[in-house]
Amino acid sequence: MTKTKKTLISLAATLALAACGKEDKPLSLPQPPAAASETFITHTEPPKADGTVGMMLPDFARLVAREGGAVVNIQAVRDQNGDSGEEESDDPFSEFFRRLTPNAPDFSDEGSSEAANFGSGFIISPDGYILTNTHVIKGMDNIKVTLNDKREYPAKLVGSDEKSDVALLKIDAADLPTVKIGNPEELKPGEWVAAIGAPFGFENSVTAGIVSAKNRTLPDDGYMPFIQTDVAINPGNSGGPLFNLKGQVVGINSQIYSRSGGFMGISFAIPINVAVNVADQLKATGKVQRGQLGVVIQEVSFDLAKSFGLDKPAGALVAKVVSGSPAEQGGIQVGDIIRSVNGSEVRSSGDLPMTISSLAPGQTVKLGVWRKGKLLEIAVKLGNQGEASAKAEREKAGRGNSIGGFEFAAAGLSLTVESDNSIVVSGAKGIAYHAGLRRGDILLEVGGRPVHSQDDFNAAVAEAGKNIPMLVKRGGNTLFLAVILP
């Protein structure tokens, strides 16, 4: 592929967003038959006399032989008209692809040129539906799919979703080999996985490694529970399958982290259940809808859990409720800790947006909320992310003039009261500094109580005791910090 700088080799790329609600007309995906329960493992040593199992290694050769036929190569081309004096492409791989792939477009043709992306994909139905990444085919005019047996087909774009980076293609063919769909929830860190794709245009290349972590969220992408692996992924692998040792697809290879432009041991795959939900909607309606709650959340640290009276760090702490959002209409408040959605536990803050976005707009969800030492159940009717942004609008942090200052010596905190009745941090050291408070922070709440004066602050601190959650405003954002006194 040629979009290496923008999508595959940098976290600065536009990354995808999360799972999507199911529709009434899902794709008829192949379910693993009894044979698919076979695990591809080779015994390198016989069982020992004491009954212990001998050494075992993954047998990727048999896995690839059985499942590799459903993996395809994708070439997407965009027609471009240009002048004869047009500059050459600055893509370092363009010349490489021209030599490697005889049928690749000639970028140097006088008067016109073509831009091309190269990627991978896999067949999910015998009649020719194929999953790949959106960034492989985005903005392209023609898509060509090459099967494992070298047959080539023009592909139709059924639909694509930039947030999840999932695209659904269709070729006019029948009786095609298909992948088996696995359950990424069953994956465990340390488990063997394998990828098949066309890195740098080298077709049907196999790489293998282990699952490094699950439910990994990336910067600017709080909606996708990526599978992190150390499988070697390079430009051209985009859109290809990630297999478990049962020969089932558990993910779509999509991103890598790199400072050099090449593989550095960290790669990310979109969970296949997320991709299938997207494909269902694209096939049925050509678009994807996601539920929206309308809150800004943060992780619950150990100290925050202690300050809010929780026995362990868990859930999603609401730092802001978007005005007019479903959350506000449903009664969600700043300082609430959302512990569950429809009975499903929210283990960390990243679980909440992923869960909510997997539900359909208009659906009513039951949220388990920890508020002031009690667990409540609150019903909220979800909105549509397509109609309103899930992100709160940034507010300007207006400031007044200082009319006095005071100290919270026990925490090493210096505060100033402004003429607009706001309390601003003028200095932080010791406990306050280690809690994360910084000069210029505006205190909004202390121990769940709004503060606008020194008296307000003193009363809130006295009521909170030694474990004090503080809601601060910093640069237009709001967040909770926990001050733990000795």
Protein backbone atom coordinates (compact mmCIF):
# COMPACT_ATOMS: atom_id res chain seq x y z
CA MET A 1 0.00 0.00 0.00
CA THR A 2 1.11 3.58 -0.48
CA LYS A 3 -0.61 5.32 2.42
CA THR A 4 2.06 4.29 4.83
CA LYS A 5 2.63 7.71 6.32
CA LYS A 6 -1.03 8.40 7.02
CA THR A 7 -2.50 5.16 8.19
CA LEU A 8 -0.34 2.18 8.91
CA ILE A 9 3.04 3.36 10.18
CA SER A 10 2.17 6.11 12.63
CA LEU A 11 -0.08 6.74 15.58
CA ALA A 12 -0.60 10.20 14.12
CA ALA A 13 -2.79 8.46 11.58
CA THR A 14 -6.51 8.79 11.57
CA LEU A 15 -7.52 5.79 13.61
CA ALA A 16 -10.76 3.96 13.66
CA LEU A 17 -13.67 4.10 16.07
CA ALA A 18 -15.39 1.13 17.71
CA ALA A 19 -18.08 -1.43 17.40
CA CYS A 20 -21.48 -0.78 15.94
CA GLY A 21 -25.07 -1.84 16.48
CA LYS A 22 -26.47 -4.86 14.72
CA GLU A 23 -29.12 -4.62 12.02
CA ASP A 24 -31.97 -6.92 11.08
CA LYS A 25 -30.19 -8.28 7.98
CA PRO A 26 -26.81 -9.56 9.09
CA LEU A 27 -24.37 -11.22 6.75
CA SER A 28 -24.61 -14.99 6.72
CA LEU A 29 -21.13 -15.58 8.05
CA PRO A 30 -19.58 -19.04 8.16
CA GLN A 31 -19.54 -20.50 11.65
CA PRO A 32 -16.70 -22.79 12.66
CA PRO A 33 -17.66 -26.42 11.95
CA ALA A 34 -16.58 -29.25 14.17
CA ALA A 35 -13.28 -29.54 12.31
CA ALA A 36 -12.50 -25.91 13.08
CA SER A 37 -12.24 -26.75 16.75
CA GLU A 38 -8.92 -28.43 15.91
CA THR A 39 -5.99 -26.58 17.39
CA PHE A 40 -2.92 -26.33 15.17
CA ILE A 41 -0.24 -27.58 17.56
CA THR A 42 2.66 -29.91 16.90
CA HIS A 43 3.98 -32.21 19.65
CA THR A 44 7.78 -32.06 19.45
CA GLU A 45 8.20 -34.47 22.34
CA PRO A 46 6.09 -37.50 23.29
CA PRO A 47 4.31 -37.54 26.66
CA LYS A 48 6.71 -38.34 29.46
CA ALA A 49 6.61 -41.35 31.78
CA ASP A 50 5.28 -39.30 34.66
CA GLY A 51 2.28 -38.31 32.55
CA THR A 52 3.34 -34.74 31.84
CA VAL A 53 2.79 -33.41 28.33
CA GLY A 54 5.84 -33.08 26.09
CA MET A 55 6.88 -29.87 24.38
CA MET A 56 4.33 -28.40 21.94
CA LEU A 57 4.72 -25.76 19.24
CA PRO A 58 2.16 -24.01 17.03
CA ASP A 59 1.75 -25.61 13.60
CA PHE A 60 1.28 -22.58 11.39
CA ALA A 61 2.00 -24.57 8.22
CA ARG A 62 -1.20 -26.60 8.57
CA LEU A 63 -3.16 -23.50 9.59
CA VAL A 64 -2.08 -21.60 6.48
CA ALA A 65 -2.68 -24.59 4.22
CA ARG A 66 -6.29 -24.85 5.42
CA GLU A 67 -7.24 -21.18 5.80
CA GLY A 68 -4.92 -19.24 3.47
CA GLY A 69 -7.15 -19.72 0.42
CA ALA A 70 -9.65 -17.17 1.75
CA VAL A 71 -7.09 -14.36 2.00
CA VAL A 72 -6.97 -11.91 -0.92
CA ASN A 73 -4.75 -9.12 -2.19
CA ILE A 74 -6.30 -5.74 -2.93
CA GLN A 75 -5.14 -3.03 -5.30
CA ALA A 76 -7.11 0.22 -5.27
CA VAL A 77 -6.39 2.85 -7.93
CA ARG A 78 -7.36 6.50 -8.24
CA ASP A 79 -7.18 8.15 -11.65
CA GLN A 80 -5.29 11.44 -11.65
CA ASN A 81 -4.82 13.91 -14.48
CA GLY A 82 -1.66 15.94 -14.41
CA ASP A 83 0.79 17.91 -16.49
CA SER A 84 3.87 16.37 -18.04
CA GLY A 85 6.03 18.33 -15.64
CA GLU A 86 4.27 16.90 -12.58
CA GLU A 87 6.59 15.97 -9.70
CA GLU A 88 7.23 12.35 -8.89
CA SER A 89 5.46 10.77 -5.95
CA ASP A 90 7.23 11.34 -2.63
CA ASP A 91 6.13 7.89 -1.44
CA PRO A 92 9.34 5.91 -0.83
CA PHE A 93 7.58 2.69 -1.83
CA SER A 94 6.18 3.83 -5.21
CA GLU A 95 9.23 2.74 -7.23
CA PHE A 96 9.43 -0.48 -5.21
CA PHE A 97 5.81 -1.35 -6.00
CA ARG A 98 6.30 -0.49 -9.67
CA ARG A 99 9.12 -3.03 -9.91
CA LEU A 100 7.51 -5.62 -7.65
CA THR A 101 4.04 -5.56 -9.22
CA PRO A 102 4.12 -5.64 -13.04
CA ASN A 103 0.46 -4.63 -13.29
CA ALA A 104 0.84 -1.68 -10.95
CA PRO A 105 0.06 1.72 -12.48
CA ASP A 106 2.90 3.75 -13.96
CA PHE A 107 3.18 6.91 -11.89
CA SER A 108 5.43 8.62 -14.43
CA ASP A 109 3.14 8.51 -17.50
CA GLU A 110 3.24 11.85 -19.24
CA GLY A 111 -0.01 13.79 -19.02
CA SER A 112 -1.73 11.46 -16.57
CA SER A 113 -0.93 9.28 -13.60
CA GLU A 114 -2.54 6.93 -11.16
CA ALA A 115 -2.29 6.70 -7.39
CA ALA A 116 -2.57 3.25 -5.89
CA ASN A 117 -3.05 1.64 -2.50
CA PHE A 118 -2.09 -1.95 -1.82
CA GLY A 119 -3.59 -4.02 0.96
CA SER A 120 -5.10 -7.30 1.99
CA GLY A 121 -8.53 -8.68 2.80
CA PHE A 122 -10.39 -11.91 3.41
CA ILE A 123 -13.54 -13.59 2.09
CA ILE A 124 -16.40 -13.91 4.58
CA SER A 125 -19.11 -15.41 2.35
CA PRO A 126 -19.05 -17.88 -0.57
CA ASP A 127 -20.77 -15.35 -2.84
CA GLY A 128 -17.91 -12.86 -2.62
CA TYR A 129 -18.22 -10.48 0.34
CA ILE A 130 -14.78 -9.35 1.51
CA LEU A 131 -13.62 -7.42 4.58
CA THR A 132 -10.68 -5.01 4.50
CA ASN A 133 -9.63 -1.63 5.93
CA THR A 134 -11.26 1.62 4.86
CA HIS A 135 -7.87 3.32 4.49
CA VAL A 136 -6.93 0.78 1.81
CA ILE A 137 -9.74 1.82 -0.54
CA LYS A 138 -10.60 5.35 0.59
CA GLY A 139 -10.82 7.85 -2.26
CA MET A 140 -10.05 5.26 -4.92
CA ASP A 141 -11.89 4.86 -8.23
CA ASN A 142 -11.18 1.22 -9.06
CA ILE A 143 -10.61 -1.77 -6.80
CA LYS A 144 -9.11 -5.06 -7.97
CA VAL A 145 -9.09 -8.23 -5.87
CA THR A 146 -6.65 -11.05 -6.54
CA LEU A 147 -7.51 -14.44 -5.06
CA ASN A 148 -5.07 -16.98 -3.71
CA ASP A 149 -5.33 -18.94 -6.99
CA LYS A 150 -4.40 -15.79 -8.99
CA ARG A 151 -7.89 -15.11 -10.33
CA GLU A 152 -8.61 -11.39 -10.51
CA TYR A 153 -11.95 -9.62 -10.05
CA PRO A 154 -13.11 -6.02 -10.06
CA ALA A 155 -14.64 -5.26 -6.67
CA LYS A 156 -17.62 -3.11 -5.76
CA LEU A 157 -17.46 -1.05 -2.59
CA VAL A 158 -20.59 -1.98 -0.63
CA GLY A 159 -19.76 0.54 2.08
CA SER A 160 -17.02 1.79 4.35
CA ASP A 161 -16.80 3.24 7.85
CA GLU A 162 -13.92 5.55 8.69
CA LYS A 163 -14.45 5.44 12.45
CA SER A 164 -13.89 1.70 12.64
CA ASP A 165 -11.61 1.56 9.56
CA VAL A 166 -13.71 -1.31 8.20
CA ALA A 167 -14.80 -1.62 4.57
CA LEU A 168 -17.02 -4.22 2.88
CA LEU A 169 -16.33 -5.22 -0.74
CA LYS A 170 -18.22 -7.52 -3.14
CA ILE A 171 -16.92 -9.46 -6.11
CA ASP A 172 -19.06 -11.33 -8.65
CA ALA A 173 -18.08 -14.92 -7.86
CA ALA A 174 -19.50 -18.07 -6.28
CA ASP A 175 -18.38 -21.05 -4.23
CA LEU A 176 -15.43 -19.18 -2.79
CA PRO A 177 -13.41 -20.37 0.22
CA THR A 178 -14.25 -18.45 3.37
CA VAL A 179 -12.60 -17.80 6.72
CA LYS A 180 -14.05 -19.05 9.99
CA ILE A 181 -15.06 -16.36 12.44
CA GLY A 182 -13.70 -16.69 15.97
CA ASN A 183 -14.41 -14.96 19.27
CA PRO A 184 -11.78 -12.34 20.21
CA GLU A 185 -13.18 -12.25 23.74
CA GLU A 186 -11.61 -15.68 24.26
CA LEU A 187 -8.12 -14.46 23.38
CA LYS A 188 -5.60 -14.29 26.19
CA PRO A 189 -2.33 -12.34 26.42
CA GLY A 190 0.51 -14.66 25.48
CA GLU A 191 -1.61 -16.69 23.06
CA TRP A 192 -0.16 -17.46 19.62
CA VAL A 193 -1.65 -15.70 16.58
CA ALA A 194 -0.75 -15.45 12.90
CA ALA A 195 -1.30 -12.94 10.10
CA ILE A 196 -1.53 -13.51 6.36
CA GLY A 197 -1.21 -10.61 3.94
CA ALA A 198 0.88 -8.87 1.32
CA PRO A 199 3.46 -6.69 3.08
CA PHE A 200 5.15 -4.40 0.52
CA GLY A 201 3.30 -6.38 -2.16
CA PHE A 202 4.78 -9.78 -1.26
CA GLU A 203 1.64 -11.88 -1.65
CA ASN A 204 0.49 -14.54 0.82
CA SER A 205 3.15 -13.74 3.40
CA VAL A 206 2.73 -15.33 6.82
CA THR A 207 3.94 -13.79 10.08
CA ALA A 208 3.29 -14.94 13.63
CA GLY A 209 3.58 -13.80 17.21
CA ILE A 210 1.58 -13.54 20.40
CA VAL A 211 -1.23 -11.44 21.80
CA SER A 212 0.45 -8.68 23.79
CA ALA A 213 -2.69 -7.11 25.27
CA LYS A 214 -6.43 -6.82 24.74
CA ASN A 215 -8.84 -3.89 24.75
CA ARG A 216 -6.02 -1.49 23.98
CA THR A 217 -7.15 2.08 23.27
CA LEU A 218 -5.01 4.48 21.27
CA PRO A 219 -4.69 8.29 21.28
CA ASP A 220 -7.77 10.01 19.81
CA ASP A 221 -9.43 6.62 19.52
CA GLY A 222 -11.33 5.76 22.66
CA TYR A 223 -13.91 3.63 20.89
CA MET A 224 -11.87 0.74 19.48
CA PRO A 225 -10.80 -2.15 21.76
CA PHE A 226 -7.72 -3.05 19.70
CA ILE A 227 -5.94 -6.37 20.00
CA GLN A 228 -2.25 -5.59 20.48
CA THR A 229 0.22 -8.16 19.17
CA ASP A 230 3.89 -8.45 18.28
CA VAL A 231 3.08 -9.98 14.89
CA ALA A 232 5.16 -8.35 12.15
CA ILE A 233 2.80 -6.05 10.24
CA ASN A 234 3.97 -3.77 7.43
CA PRO A 235 2.44 -1.68 4.62
CA GLY A 236 0.34 -4.07 2.54
CA ASN A 237 -0.82 -6.13 5.53
CA SER A 238 -3.65 -3.65 6.14
CA GLY A 239 -7.03 -5.35 6.02
CA GLY A 240 -5.64 -8.86 6.34
CA PRO A 241 -6.81 -11.44 8.88
CA LEU A 242 -5.37 -12.25 12.30
CA PHE A 243 -5.85 -15.96 13.06
CA ASN A 244 -5.90 -17.83 16.36
CA LEU A 245 -4.53 -21.36 16.62
CA LYS A 246 -7.95 -22.80 15.78
CA GLY A 247 -7.68 -21.24 12.34
CA GLN A 248 -10.38 -18.70 13.14
CA VAL A 249 -10.17 -15.00 12.31
CA VAL A 250 -10.16 -12.94 15.49
CA GLY A 251 -9.12 -9.58 14.07
CA ILE A 252 -8.30 -7.35 11.09
CA ASN A 253 -4.73 -6.09 11.01
CA SER A 254 -4.97 -2.32 10.89
CA GLN A 255 -2.31 -0.25 12.65
CA ILE A 256 1.25 -0.36 13.89
CA TYR A 257 3.22 1.88 16.21
CA SER A 258 6.44 3.03 14.63
CA ARG A 259 8.98 5.80 14.92
CA SER A 260 10.98 4.57 11.94
CA GLY A 261 8.27 3.84 9.36
CA GLY A 262 8.73 0.09 9.74
CA PHE A 263 7.58 -2.58 12.12
CA MET A 264 8.86 -2.13 15.69
CA GLY A 265 7.14 -4.99 17.52
CA ILE A 266 3.79 -3.34 18.25
CA SER A 267 0.80 -3.91 15.97
CA PHE A 268 -2.94 -3.54 16.41
CA ALA A 269 -5.90 -5.47 15.05
CA ILE A 270 -9.60 -4.59 14.98
CA PRO A 271 -11.57 -7.31 16.83
CA ILE A 272 -13.55 -9.35 14.33
CA ASN A 273 -16.81 -8.99 16.25
CA VAL A 274 -16.52 -5.21 15.82
CA ALA A 275 -15.85 -5.62 12.10
CA VAL A 276 -18.75 -8.04 11.58
CA ASN A 277 -21.17 -5.64 13.28
CA VAL A 278 -19.99 -2.89 10.94
CA ALA A 279 -20.31 -5.19 7.92
CA ASP A 280 -23.86 -6.14 8.91
CA GLN A 281 -24.91 -2.50 8.88
CA LEU A 282 -23.03 -1.64 5.70
CA LYS A 283 -24.67 -4.53 3.87
CA ALA A 284 -28.14 -3.65 5.14
CA THR A 285 -28.14 0.15 4.92
CA GLY A 286 -24.79 1.29 3.55
CA LYS A 287 -24.06 3.28 6.70
CA VAL A 288 -23.25 2.79 10.37
CA GLN A 289 -25.06 4.22 13.37
CA ARG A 290 -23.72 4.36 16.92
CA GLY A 291 -25.26 5.10 20.27
CA GLN A 292 -24.25 8.26 22.11
CA LEU A 293 -24.32 9.02 25.83
CA GLY A 294 -22.78 12.49 25.92
CA VAL A 295 -20.25 12.50 28.75
CA VAL A 296 -16.56 13.24 29.15
CA ILE A 297 -14.99 10.50 31.25
CA GLN A 298 -11.67 9.63 32.83
CA GLU A 299 -9.99 6.60 34.34
CA VAL A 300 -10.56 5.83 38.01
CA SER A 301 -7.12 5.72 39.62
CA PHE A 302 -6.37 4.03 42.94
CA ASP A 303 -6.43 7.37 44.76
CA LEU A 304 -9.64 8.49 43.05
CA ALA A 305 -11.32 5.20 43.96
CA LYS A 306 -10.28 5.77 47.56
CA SER A 307 -11.56 9.34 47.56
CA PHE A 308 -14.95 8.28 46.14
CA GLY A 309 -15.34 5.40 48.60
CA LEU A 310 -14.80 2.53 46.17
CA ASP A 311 -13.05 -0.64 47.27
CA LYS A 312 -11.08 -0.87 43.99
CA PRO A 313 -10.35 1.23 40.88
CA ALA A 314 -13.08 0.42 38.37
CA GLY A 315 -15.64 2.10 36.16
CA ALA A 316 -15.70 5.37 34.22
CA LEU A 317 -15.64 8.64 36.16
CA VAL A 318 -17.86 11.36 34.66
CA ALA A 319 -15.83 14.59 34.50
CA LYS A 320 -18.36 16.48 32.38
CA VAL A 321 -21.91 16.04 31.10
CA VAL A 322 -22.55 17.54 27.66
CA SER A 323 -25.34 20.08 27.69
CA GLY A 324 -28.55 18.74 26.15
CA SER A 325 -27.11 15.23 25.82
CA PRO A 326 -28.91 11.96 26.57
CA ALA A 327 -26.81 11.70 29.74
CA GLU A 328 -28.03 15.07 31.01
CA GLN A 329 -31.64 14.23 30.15
CA GLY A 330 -31.30 10.89 31.92
CA GLY A 331 -29.94 12.42 35.12
CA ILE A 332 -26.24 11.55 34.94
CA GLN A 333 -24.15 13.95 37.04
CA VAL A 334 -20.53 15.07 37.19
CA GLY A 335 -18.78 12.86 39.74
CA ASP A 336 -20.85 9.78 38.94
CA ILE A 337 -18.84 6.62 38.37
CA ILE A 338 -20.51 4.39 35.77
CA ARG A 339 -19.92 0.79 36.87
CA SER A 340 -22.11 -1.17 34.43
CA VAL A 341 -24.18 -0.97 31.25
CA ASN A 342 -27.19 -3.29 31.06
CA GLY A 343 -25.60 -5.42 33.76
CA SER A 344 -22.26 -5.73 31.96
CA GLU A 345 -19.37 -4.52 34.10
CA VAL A 346 -17.43 -1.42 33.08
CA ARG A 347 -13.96 -2.44 34.25
CA SER A 348 -12.16 0.66 33.00
CA SER A 349 -13.06 3.98 31.42
CA GLY A 350 -12.28 2.61 27.96
CA ASP A 351 -15.03 0.01 28.28
CA LEU A 352 -17.80 2.63 28.41
CA PRO A 353 -17.46 4.31 24.99
CA MET A 354 -16.83 0.95 23.35
CA THR A 355 -19.98 -0.51 24.90
CA ILE A 356 -22.20 2.49 24.24
CA SER A 357 -21.11 2.83 20.61
CA SER A 358 -21.96 -0.84 20.03
CA LEU A 359 -25.61 -0.12 20.85
CA ALA A 360 -28.22 1.35 18.53
CA PRO A 361 -29.37 4.97 18.82
CA GLY A 362 -32.76 5.20 20.53
CA GLN A 363 -32.10 2.19 22.72
CA THR A 364 -32.65 2.66 26.45
CA VAL A 365 -29.80 1.40 28.59
CA LYS A 366 -29.63 0.77 32.31
CA LEU A 367 -26.51 2.27 33.85
CA GLY A 368 -25.16 1.14 37.21
CA VAL A 369 -23.89 4.38 38.78
CA TRP A 370 -21.87 4.91 41.95
CA ARG A 371 -22.93 8.23 43.49
CA LYS A 372 -21.99 9.50 46.93
CA GLY A 373 -21.46 6.05 48.38
CA LYS A 374 -24.54 4.41 46.85
CA LEU A 375 -25.06 2.26 43.76
CA LEU A 376 -27.95 3.53 41.65
CA GLU A 377 -29.58 2.33 38.45
CA ILE A 378 -30.32 5.06 35.90
CA ALA A 379 -32.08 4.56 32.56
CA VAL A 380 -30.83 6.64 29.62
CA LYS A 381 -32.13 6.69 26.05
CA LEU A 382 -29.12 6.83 23.73
CA GLY A 383 -28.67 9.47 21.06
CA ASN A 384 -27.01 9.15 17.67
CA GLN A 385 -23.33 9.94 17.25
CA GLY A 386 -24.01 10.89 13.66
CA GLU A 387 -26.29 13.73 14.73
CA ALA A 388 -24.22 15.21 17.57
CA SER A 389 -20.61 14.91 18.57
CA ALA A 390 -19.86 12.74 21.58
CA LYS A 391 -17.19 15.20 22.60
CA ALA A 392 -18.06 18.15 24.77
CA GLU A 393 -17.48 21.57 23.31
CA ARG A 394 -14.44 23.19 24.78
CA GLU A 395 -15.26 26.12 26.98
CA LYS A 396 -13.16 29.21 27.32
CA ALA A 397 -11.61 29.38 30.74
CA GLY A 398 -12.54 32.93 31.65
CA ARG A 399 -10.69 34.44 34.56
CA GLY A 400 -11.40 37.38 36.84
CA ASN A 401 -9.01 39.47 38.93
CA SER A 402 -7.50 38.21 42.16
CA ILE A 403 -9.25 39.48 45.29
CA GLY A 404 -7.38 37.39 47.85
CA GLY A 405 -5.51 34.20 48.53
CA PHE A 406 -5.27 31.43 51.10
CA GLU A 407 -3.37 28.23 51.78
CA PHE A 408 -4.34 24.61 52.22
CA ALA A 409 -1.09 23.86 54.00
CA ALA A 410 -1.85 20.22 54.76
CA ALA A 411 -1.70 19.47 51.02
CA GLY A 412 0.86 22.07 49.96
CA LEU A 413 -1.77 23.98 47.99
CA SER A 414 -1.87 27.77 47.44
CA LEU A 415 -5.18 29.18 46.17
CA THR A 416 -6.45 32.51 44.88
CA VAL A 417 -10.04 33.75 44.91
CA GLU A 418 -10.90 35.62 41.71
CA SER A 419 -13.43 38.40 41.23
CA ASP A 420 -15.65 36.03 39.24
CA ASN A 421 -15.94 33.82 42.37
CA SER A 422 -13.63 31.16 41.01
CA ILE A 423 -10.84 29.54 43.01
CA VAL A 424 -7.57 29.17 41.13
CA VAL A 425 -4.47 27.20 42.06
CA SER A 426 -1.56 29.62 42.41
CA GLY A 427 0.91 27.03 43.63
CA ALA A 428 1.13 23.28 44.25
CA LYS A 429 3.81 21.26 45.98
CA GLY A 430 4.07 18.10 48.04
CA ILE A 431 0.81 16.18 48.20
CA ALA A 432 -1.04 18.57 45.87
CA TYR A 433 1.64 18.38 43.21
CA HIS A 434 1.81 14.59 43.35
CA ALA A 435 -1.99 14.50 43.05
CA GLY A 436 -1.65 16.31 39.70
CA LEU A 437 -2.73 19.83 40.64
CA ARG A 438 -0.95 22.56 38.72
CA ARG A 439 -0.72 26.34 38.75
CA GLY A 440 -3.68 27.82 36.84
CA ASP A 441 -6.11 24.98 37.56
CA ILE A 442 -9.59 26.23 38.45
CA LEU A 443 -11.28 24.35 41.30
CA LEU A 444 -14.91 23.59 40.47
CA GLU A 445 -15.79 21.07 43.17
CA VAL A 446 -14.15 19.74 46.31
CA GLY A 447 -15.53 16.52 47.77
CA GLY A 448 -18.55 16.81 45.48
CA ARG A 449 -19.41 20.35 46.61
CA PRO A 450 -19.14 23.46 44.38
CA VAL A 451 -16.61 25.96 45.72
CA HIS A 452 -16.66 29.72 45.09
CA SER A 453 -14.99 31.11 48.21
CA GLN A 454 -12.55 30.27 50.96
CA ASP A 455 -15.45 29.39 53.26
CA ASP A 456 -16.85 27.00 50.63
CA PHE A 457 -13.45 25.37 50.26
CA ASN A 458 -12.86 24.98 54.00
CA ALA A 459 -16.32 23.50 54.58
CA ALA A 460 -15.90 21.04 51.68
CA VAL A 461 -12.48 19.90 52.91
CA ALA A 462 -13.75 19.42 56.46
CA GLU A 463 -16.64 17.28 55.21
CA ALA A 464 -14.52 15.20 52.81
CA GLY A 465 -11.95 14.15 55.39
CA LYS A 466 -8.58 12.81 54.33
CA ASN A 467 -9.57 11.43 50.89
CA ILE A 468 -10.61 14.45 48.83
CA PRO A 469 -11.72 14.28 45.15
CA MET A 470 -11.27 17.65 43.43
CA LEU A 471 -12.85 18.59 40.11
CA VAL A 472 -10.65 21.03 38.24
CA LYS A 473 -10.87 22.90 34.96
CA ARG A 474 -7.70 23.00 32.89
CA GLY A 475 -7.42 24.46 29.41
CA GLY A 476 -11.12 24.03 28.71
CA ASN A 477 -11.21 20.43 29.94
CA THR A 478 -12.45 19.13 33.27
CA LEU A 479 -10.96 16.28 35.26
CA PHE A 480 -10.94 14.81 38.75
CA LEU A 481 -7.82 14.64 40.90
CA ALA A 482 -7.55 12.95 44.29
CA VAL A 483 -5.78 14.61 47.23
CA ILE A 484 -4.96 11.99 49.85
CA LEU A 485 -3.92 13.43 53.20
CA PRO A 486 -1.73 11.43 55.59
